[in-house]
Amino acid sequence: MAGVLFSFYNFASLIDLNIGISDRLDENRSESFTILFCDFSGISQTLVETNLQSLLRTSDSIVHFEHYYFFVMPYTDKYGCNIVKKMIEDLFGRAIPSAAVCYPSNGENPSEILESLHAEAKKTLGTDLDCLYSAANKEA
């Protein structure tokens, strides 16, 4: 198991790729993939990346911006996302502030999905993810 790390500036393109794969392979359009946002403030980036890459599947993607990490998890619904979140919290031995959105229920394109993630983080955590606007503007 090893999640694959991508540049934050390719985030919208990565979402677009996952949408394309989901649309091609999942005719039911159920929750085809989930994006989990985690705030790892106070934990070293090296420790986060070393541990998370061994925890996640090779099909999962990791995108980070400063101490914010975003996990794109194909064929994972919100229930599965909560299991991954618990595994992350168990790994670090503490609660990790997080928010999650799913395709297609929370958006039909990268801009909508990123906007939904921004709104969810703001609502549940009070965290303003303005960095997502620069990712959405890089949309392919």
N, C-alpha and C. Protein backbone atom coordinates (compact mmCIF):
# COMPACT_ATOMS: atom_id res chain seq x y z
N MET A 1 0.83 -1.19 0.00
CA MET A 1 0.00 0.00 0.00
C MET A 1 0.88 1.25 0.00
N ALA A 2 0.51 2.20 -0.85
CA ALA A 2 1.25 3.45 -0.88
C ALA A 2 0.46 4.47 -1.68
N GLY A 3 -0.05 5.50 -1.02
CA GLY A 3 -0.72 6.57 -1.73
C GLY A 3 0.28 7.30 -2.62
N VAL A 4 -0.19 7.86 -3.71
CA VAL A 4 0.67 8.54 -4.66
C VAL A 4 0.53 10.05 -4.47
N LEU A 5 1.66 10.74 -4.33
CA LEU A 5 1.69 12.18 -4.07
C LEU A 5 1.66 12.97 -5.37
N PHE A 6 0.75 13.96 -5.45
CA PHE A 6 0.62 14.85 -6.60
C PHE A 6 0.79 16.29 -6.15
N SER A 7 1.18 17.15 -7.08
CA SER A 7 1.32 18.58 -6.81
C SER A 7 -0.05 19.21 -6.59
N PHE A 8 -0.12 20.16 -5.67
CA PHE A 8 -1.36 20.89 -5.41
C PHE A 8 -1.85 21.58 -6.68
N TYR A 9 -0.93 22.03 -7.49
CA TYR A 9 -1.32 22.78 -8.69
C TYR A 9 -1.87 21.89 -9.80
N ASN A 10 -1.84 20.57 -9.58
CA ASN A 10 -2.48 19.63 -10.50
C ASN A 10 -3.77 19.05 -9.89
N PHE A 11 -4.22 19.61 -8.78
CA PHE A 11 -5.36 19.08 -8.05
C PHE A 11 -6.62 19.03 -8.92
N ALA A 12 -6.96 20.11 -9.59
CA ALA A 12 -8.16 20.14 -10.42
C ALA A 12 -8.06 19.12 -11.56
N SER A 13 -6.89 18.99 -12.16
CA SER A 13 -6.70 18.01 -13.22
C SER A 13 -6.83 16.59 -12.68
N LEU A 14 -6.34 16.34 -11.48
CA LEU A 14 -6.47 15.04 -10.85
C LEU A 14 -7.95 14.71 -10.60
N ILE A 15 -8.71 15.69 -10.15
CA ILE A 15 -10.14 15.49 -9.95
C ILE A 15 -10.82 15.19 -11.29
N ASP A 16 -10.45 15.97 -12.30
CA ASP A 16 -11.03 15.77 -13.64
C ASP A 16 -10.72 14.36 -14.16
N LEU A 17 -9.51 13.87 -13.93
CA LEU A 17 -9.13 12.51 -14.32
C LEU A 17 -10.01 11.49 -13.60
N ASN A 18 -10.21 11.66 -12.30
CA ASN A 18 -11.03 10.72 -11.54
C ASN A 18 -12.49 10.77 -11.98
N ILE A 19 -12.98 11.94 -12.36
CA ILE A 19 -14.33 12.05 -12.90
C ILE A 19 -14.43 11.25 -14.19
N GLY A 20 -13.45 11.41 -15.07
CA GLY A 20 -13.45 10.68 -16.33
C GLY A 20 -13.43 9.18 -16.14
N ILE A 21 -12.60 8.71 -15.24
CA ILE A 21 -12.53 7.28 -14.95
C ILE A 21 -13.84 6.80 -14.35
N SER A 22 -14.39 7.56 -13.42
CA SER A 22 -15.66 7.18 -12.79
C SER A 22 -16.78 7.11 -13.81
N ASP A 23 -16.86 8.11 -14.67
CA ASP A 23 -17.91 8.13 -15.68
C ASP A 23 -17.77 6.96 -16.65
N ARG A 24 -16.56 6.58 -16.94
CA ARG A 24 -16.31 5.48 -17.87
C ARG A 24 -16.65 4.13 -17.26
N LEU A 25 -16.35 3.97 -15.95
CA LEU A 25 -16.46 2.66 -15.32
C LEU A 25 -17.67 2.48 -14.41
N ASP A 26 -18.32 3.56 -14.01
CA ASP A 26 -19.40 3.46 -13.02
C ASP A 26 -20.69 4.02 -13.60
N GLU A 27 -21.46 3.16 -14.24
CA GLU A 27 -22.70 3.60 -14.87
C GLU A 27 -23.74 4.04 -13.85
N ASN A 28 -23.67 3.55 -12.63
CA ASN A 28 -24.64 3.91 -11.60
C ASN A 28 -24.43 5.31 -11.05
N ARG A 29 -23.24 5.86 -11.25
CA ARG A 29 -22.88 7.19 -10.75
C ARG A 29 -23.15 7.31 -9.25
N SER A 30 -22.88 6.23 -8.54
CA SER A 30 -22.97 6.31 -7.08
C SER A 30 -21.75 7.09 -6.61
N GLU A 31 -21.53 7.15 -5.32
CA GLU A 31 -20.39 7.91 -4.83
C GLU A 31 -19.11 7.26 -5.36
N SER A 32 -18.66 7.75 -6.51
CA SER A 32 -17.56 7.13 -7.24
C SER A 32 -16.20 7.36 -6.61
N PHE A 33 -16.01 8.54 -6.04
CA PHE A 33 -14.79 8.80 -5.29
C PHE A 33 -15.06 9.86 -4.24
N THR A 34 -14.24 9.86 -3.23
CA THR A 34 -14.37 10.82 -2.14
C THR A 34 -13.06 11.56 -1.99
N ILE A 35 -13.17 12.85 -1.67
CA ILE A 35 -12.00 13.65 -1.34
C ILE A 35 -12.08 13.95 0.15
N LEU A 36 -11.05 13.54 0.87
CA LEU A 36 -10.94 13.78 2.30
C LEU A 36 -9.89 14.86 2.52
N PHE A 37 -10.28 15.93 3.21
CA PHE A 37 -9.37 17.00 3.59
C PHE A 37 -8.98 16.77 5.04
N CYS A 38 -7.69 16.87 5.34
CA CYS A 38 -7.19 16.78 6.72
C CYS A 38 -6.22 17.92 6.98
N ASP A 39 -6.33 18.50 8.16
CA ASP A 39 -5.44 19.57 8.59
C ASP A 39 -4.43 18.97 9.57
N PHE A 40 -3.19 18.85 9.13
CA PHE A 40 -2.13 18.27 9.95
C PHE A 40 -1.25 19.33 10.60
N SER A 41 -1.84 20.44 11.00
CA SER A 41 -1.08 21.48 11.71
C SER A 41 -0.41 20.87 12.93
N GLY A 42 0.85 21.23 13.14
CA GLY A 42 1.57 20.76 14.31
C GLY A 42 2.23 19.39 14.15
N ILE A 43 2.11 18.78 12.96
CA ILE A 43 2.77 17.49 12.70
C ILE A 43 3.71 17.70 11.52
N SER A 44 4.93 17.23 11.63
CA SER A 44 5.90 17.47 10.56
C SER A 44 5.46 16.85 9.24
N GLN A 45 5.75 17.54 8.16
CA GLN A 45 5.37 17.08 6.82
C GLN A 45 6.00 15.73 6.52
N THR A 46 7.24 15.52 6.91
CA THR A 46 7.92 14.25 6.66
C THR A 46 7.21 13.11 7.38
N LEU A 47 6.84 13.32 8.64
CA LEU A 47 6.14 12.30 9.40
C LEU A 47 4.78 11.99 8.77
N VAL A 48 4.07 13.03 8.34
CA VAL A 48 2.76 12.84 7.71
C VAL A 48 2.91 12.02 6.44
N GLU A 49 3.79 12.44 5.54
CA GLU A 49 3.92 11.78 4.24
C GLU A 49 4.43 10.35 4.37
N THR A 50 5.38 10.12 5.25
CA THR A 50 5.91 8.77 5.44
C THR A 50 4.82 7.82 5.92
N ASN A 51 4.04 8.26 6.89
CA ASN A 51 3.01 7.40 7.45
C ASN A 51 1.82 7.23 6.52
N LEU A 52 1.39 8.30 5.87
CA LEU A 52 0.21 8.21 5.02
C LEU A 52 0.45 7.39 3.76
N GLN A 53 1.62 7.51 3.19
CA GLN A 53 1.91 6.75 1.98
C GLN A 53 1.86 5.26 2.24
N SER A 54 2.17 4.85 3.46
CA SER A 54 2.11 3.42 3.78
C SER A 54 0.70 2.99 4.17
N LEU A 55 -0.15 3.93 4.54
CA LEU A 55 -1.51 3.62 4.99
C LEU A 55 -2.49 3.52 3.82
N LEU A 56 -2.32 4.37 2.83
CA LEU A 56 -3.28 4.46 1.73
C LEU A 56 -3.00 3.44 0.63
N ARG A 57 -4.00 3.21 -0.22
CA ARG A 57 -3.87 2.28 -1.35
C ARG A 57 -3.09 2.96 -2.48
N THR A 58 -2.53 2.17 -3.38
CA THR A 58 -1.81 2.73 -4.52
C THR A 58 -2.75 3.48 -5.46
N SER A 59 -4.03 3.21 -5.38
CA SER A 59 -5.00 3.93 -6.21
C SER A 59 -5.40 5.27 -5.60
N ASP A 60 -5.03 5.53 -4.35
CA ASP A 60 -5.36 6.79 -3.69
C ASP A 60 -4.30 7.84 -4.01
N SER A 61 -4.77 9.07 -4.15
CA SER A 61 -3.86 10.19 -4.45
C SER A 61 -3.79 11.12 -3.26
N ILE A 62 -2.60 11.66 -3.04
CA ILE A 62 -2.36 12.62 -1.96
C ILE A 62 -1.94 13.94 -2.59
N VAL A 63 -2.60 15.01 -2.18
CA VAL A 63 -2.25 16.35 -2.63
C VAL A 63 -2.08 17.18 -1.36
N HIS A 64 -1.01 17.97 -1.29
CA HIS A 64 -0.89 18.80 -0.09
C HIS A 64 -0.54 20.24 -0.43
N PHE A 65 -0.97 21.10 0.47
CA PHE A 65 -0.69 22.53 0.40
C PHE A 65 -0.41 22.97 1.83
N GLU A 66 0.85 23.29 2.09
CA GLU A 66 1.30 23.62 3.44
C GLU A 66 0.95 22.47 4.38
N HIS A 67 0.16 22.70 5.42
CA HIS A 67 -0.20 21.62 6.35
C HIS A 67 -1.56 21.00 6.05
N TYR A 68 -2.15 21.38 4.92
CA TYR A 68 -3.42 20.79 4.48
C TYR A 68 -3.12 19.63 3.52
N TYR A 69 -3.80 18.52 3.74
CA TYR A 69 -3.67 17.35 2.87
C TYR A 69 -5.05 16.97 2.35
N PHE A 70 -5.08 16.59 1.08
CA PHE A 70 -6.31 16.19 0.41
C PHE A 70 -6.07 14.80 -0.17
N PHE A 71 -6.99 13.88 0.10
CA PHE A 71 -6.86 12.51 -0.36
C PHE A 71 -8.00 12.22 -1.33
N VAL A 72 -7.66 11.85 -2.56
CA VAL A 72 -8.65 11.47 -3.56
C VAL A 72 -8.67 9.94 -3.55
N MET A 73 -9.83 9.41 -3.13
CA MET A 73 -9.93 7.96 -2.92
C MET A 73 -11.00 7.37 -3.84
N PRO A 74 -10.57 6.75 -4.96
CA PRO A 74 -11.53 6.14 -5.89
C PRO A 74 -12.30 5.00 -5.24
N TYR A 75 -13.54 4.83 -5.69
CA TYR A 75 -14.42 3.77 -5.21
C TYR A 75 -14.50 3.74 -3.69
N THR A 76 -14.56 4.93 -3.11
CA THR A 76 -14.72 5.08 -1.67
C THR A 76 -15.87 6.03 -1.43
N ASP A 77 -16.87 5.58 -0.66
CA ASP A 77 -17.99 6.45 -0.29
C ASP A 77 -17.69 7.10 1.05
N LYS A 78 -18.66 7.85 1.59
CA LYS A 78 -18.41 8.55 2.86
C LYS A 78 -18.19 7.58 4.01
N TYR A 79 -18.85 6.42 3.97
CA TYR A 79 -18.62 5.42 5.01
C TYR A 79 -17.16 4.96 4.99
N GLY A 80 -16.68 4.60 3.81
CA GLY A 80 -15.28 4.19 3.67
C GLY A 80 -14.32 5.30 4.03
N CYS A 81 -14.69 6.52 3.70
CA CYS A 81 -13.86 7.68 4.04
C CYS A 81 -13.73 7.82 5.56
N ASN A 82 -14.82 7.58 6.28
CA ASN A 82 -14.76 7.66 7.74
C ASN A 82 -13.86 6.59 8.33
N ILE A 83 -13.81 5.43 7.70
CA ILE A 83 -12.90 4.37 8.14
C ILE A 83 -11.45 4.83 7.95
N VAL A 84 -11.15 5.41 6.79
CA VAL A 84 -9.80 5.92 6.52
C VAL A 84 -9.44 7.02 7.53
N LYS A 85 -10.37 7.92 7.79
CA LYS A 85 -10.13 9.01 8.76
C LYS A 85 -9.79 8.43 10.13
N LYS A 86 -10.53 7.42 10.56
CA LYS A 86 -10.24 6.79 11.86
C LYS A 86 -8.87 6.13 11.86
N MET A 87 -8.51 5.50 10.77
CA MET A 87 -7.18 4.88 10.67
C MET A 87 -6.09 5.95 10.78
N ILE A 88 -6.31 7.10 10.15
CA ILE A 88 -5.35 8.21 10.22
C ILE A 88 -5.24 8.71 11.65
N GLU A 89 -6.37 8.90 12.30
CA GLU A 89 -6.35 9.39 13.69
C GLU A 89 -5.70 8.38 14.62
N ASP A 90 -5.95 7.10 14.40
CA ASP A 90 -5.29 6.07 15.21
C ASP A 90 -3.78 6.08 14.98
N LEU A 91 -3.37 6.28 13.73
CA LEU A 91 -1.96 6.31 13.38
C LEU A 91 -1.22 7.44 14.10
N PHE A 92 -1.88 8.62 14.17
CA PHE A 92 -1.24 9.78 14.79
C PHE A 92 -1.61 9.95 16.26
N GLY A 93 -2.54 9.14 16.75
CA GLY A 93 -2.91 9.19 18.16
C GLY A 93 -3.60 10.47 18.57
N ARG A 94 -4.32 11.09 17.65
CA ARG A 94 -5.04 12.33 17.98
C ARG A 94 -6.12 12.60 16.94
N ALA A 95 -7.06 13.44 17.33
CA ALA A 95 -8.11 13.86 16.39
C ALA A 95 -7.49 14.73 15.31
N ILE A 96 -7.89 14.51 14.08
CA ILE A 96 -7.40 15.29 12.95
C ILE A 96 -8.60 16.02 12.35
N PRO A 97 -8.57 17.37 12.35
CA PRO A 97 -9.68 18.11 11.74
C PRO A 97 -9.81 17.71 10.26
N SER A 98 -11.05 17.40 9.84
CA SER A 98 -11.23 16.92 8.47
C SER A 98 -12.62 17.26 7.95
N ALA A 99 -12.74 17.16 6.64
CA ALA A 99 -14.01 17.33 5.93
C ALA A 99 -13.93 16.49 4.67
N ALA A 100 -15.09 16.08 4.15
CA ALA A 100 -15.08 15.22 2.96
C ALA A 100 -16.24 15.56 2.03
N VAL A 101 -15.99 15.35 0.74
CA VAL A 101 -17.02 15.48 -0.29
C VAL A 101 -16.89 14.31 -1.26
N CYS A 102 -18.00 14.00 -1.94
CA CYS A 102 -18.03 12.88 -2.87
C CYS A 102 -18.45 13.34 -4.27
N TYR A 103 -17.96 12.62 -5.27
CA TYR A 103 -18.42 12.80 -6.64
C TYR A 103 -19.41 11.69 -6.93
N PRO A 104 -20.54 11.95 -7.51
CA PRO A 104 -21.04 13.21 -8.06
C PRO A 104 -21.99 13.97 -7.13
N SER A 105 -22.25 13.44 -5.93
CA SER A 105 -23.26 14.07 -5.07
C SER A 105 -22.89 15.48 -4.63
N ASN A 106 -21.61 15.82 -4.58
CA ASN A 106 -21.21 17.15 -4.15
C ASN A 106 -20.66 18.03 -5.27
N GLY A 107 -20.81 17.58 -6.51
CA GLY A 107 -20.35 18.38 -7.65
C GLY A 107 -20.15 17.53 -8.87
N GLU A 108 -20.31 18.16 -10.02
CA GLU A 108 -20.20 17.45 -11.31
C GLU A 108 -18.89 17.74 -12.04
N ASN A 109 -18.12 18.72 -11.56
CA ASN A 109 -16.85 19.07 -12.19
C ASN A 109 -15.88 19.51 -11.11
N PRO A 110 -14.60 19.67 -11.44
CA PRO A 110 -13.62 20.05 -10.41
C PRO A 110 -13.97 21.33 -9.66
N SER A 111 -14.45 22.35 -10.36
CA SER A 111 -14.78 23.61 -9.69
C SER A 111 -15.88 23.43 -8.66
N GLU A 112 -16.93 22.69 -9.03
CA GLU A 112 -18.04 22.45 -8.10
C GLU A 112 -17.59 21.62 -6.91
N ILE A 113 -16.78 20.62 -7.16
CA ILE A 113 -16.30 19.75 -6.08
C ILE A 113 -15.41 20.54 -5.12
N LEU A 114 -14.51 21.34 -5.65
CA LEU A 114 -13.64 22.15 -4.79
C LEU A 114 -14.44 23.18 -4.01
N GLU A 115 -15.45 23.76 -4.62
CA GLU A 115 -16.32 24.71 -3.92
C GLU A 115 -17.07 24.01 -2.79
N SER A 116 -17.56 22.80 -3.06
CA SER A 116 -18.25 22.03 -2.02
C SER A 116 -17.31 21.69 -0.87
N LEU A 117 -16.08 21.35 -1.18
CA LEU A 117 -15.10 21.04 -0.14
C LEU A 117 -14.80 22.28 0.69
N HIS A 118 -14.65 23.41 0.02
CA HIS A 118 -14.43 24.68 0.73
C HIS A 118 -15.58 24.96 1.68
N ALA A 119 -16.82 24.81 1.19
CA ALA A 119 -18.01 25.08 2.00
C ALA A 119 -18.11 24.11 3.18
N GLU A 120 -17.81 22.83 2.93
CA GLU A 120 -17.89 21.83 3.99
C GLU A 120 -16.85 22.09 5.09
N ALA A 121 -15.62 22.43 4.71
CA ALA A 121 -14.58 22.73 5.69
C ALA A 121 -14.94 23.98 6.48
N LYS A 122 -15.51 24.96 5.82
CA LYS A 122 -15.92 26.20 6.49
C LYS A 122 -17.05 25.90 7.49
N LYS A 123 -18.03 25.09 7.07
CA LYS A 123 -19.18 24.78 7.92
C LYS A 123 -18.81 23.91 9.11
N THR A 124 -18.07 22.85 8.88
CA THR A 124 -17.80 21.89 9.95
C THR A 124 -16.60 22.25 10.82
N LEU A 125 -15.61 22.94 10.24
CA LEU A 125 -14.37 23.22 10.98
C LEU A 125 -14.11 24.70 11.21
N GLY A 126 -14.80 25.55 10.45
CA GLY A 126 -14.49 26.97 10.50
C GLY A 126 -13.20 27.29 9.76
N THR A 127 -12.73 26.34 8.93
CA THR A 127 -11.49 26.50 8.18
C THR A 127 -11.78 27.07 6.81
N ASP A 128 -11.10 28.14 6.46
CA ASP A 128 -11.28 28.78 5.16
C ASP A 128 -10.22 28.27 4.20
N LEU A 129 -10.62 27.45 3.25
CA LEU A 129 -9.69 26.86 2.30
C LEU A 129 -9.60 27.70 1.03
N ASP A 130 -9.21 28.95 1.17
CA ASP A 130 -9.08 29.83 0.01
C ASP A 130 -8.07 29.29 -1.01
N CYS A 131 -7.13 28.46 -0.56
CA CYS A 131 -6.15 27.88 -1.47
C CYS A 131 -6.84 27.09 -2.59
N LEU A 132 -8.04 26.59 -2.34
CA LEU A 132 -8.74 25.79 -3.35
C LEU A 132 -9.12 26.62 -4.57
N TYR A 133 -9.27 27.93 -4.40
CA TYR A 133 -9.61 28.78 -5.54
C TYR A 133 -8.48 28.81 -6.55
N SER A 134 -7.24 28.78 -6.08
CA SER A 134 -6.12 28.75 -7.04
C SER A 134 -6.06 27.40 -7.73
N ALA A 135 -6.41 26.33 -7.04
CA ALA A 135 -6.45 25.00 -7.67
C ALA A 135 -7.55 24.94 -8.70
N ALA A 136 -8.71 25.50 -8.39
CA ALA A 136 -9.84 25.48 -9.33
C ALA A 136 -9.54 26.30 -10.58
N ASN A 137 -8.76 27.36 -10.43
CA ASN A 137 -8.42 28.20 -11.57
C ASN A 137 -7.40 27.54 -12.49
N LYS A 138 -6.75 26.48 -12.02
CA LYS A 138 -5.80 25.73 -12.84
C LYS A 138 -6.48 24.58 -13.57
N GLU A 139 -7.81 24.54 -13.48
CA GLU A 139 -8.59 23.43 -14.06
C GLU A 139 -8.27 23.25 -15.53
N ALA A 140 -8.13 21.98 -15.91
CA ALA A 140 -7.79 21.65 -17.30
C ALA A 140 -8.95 21.88 -18.22
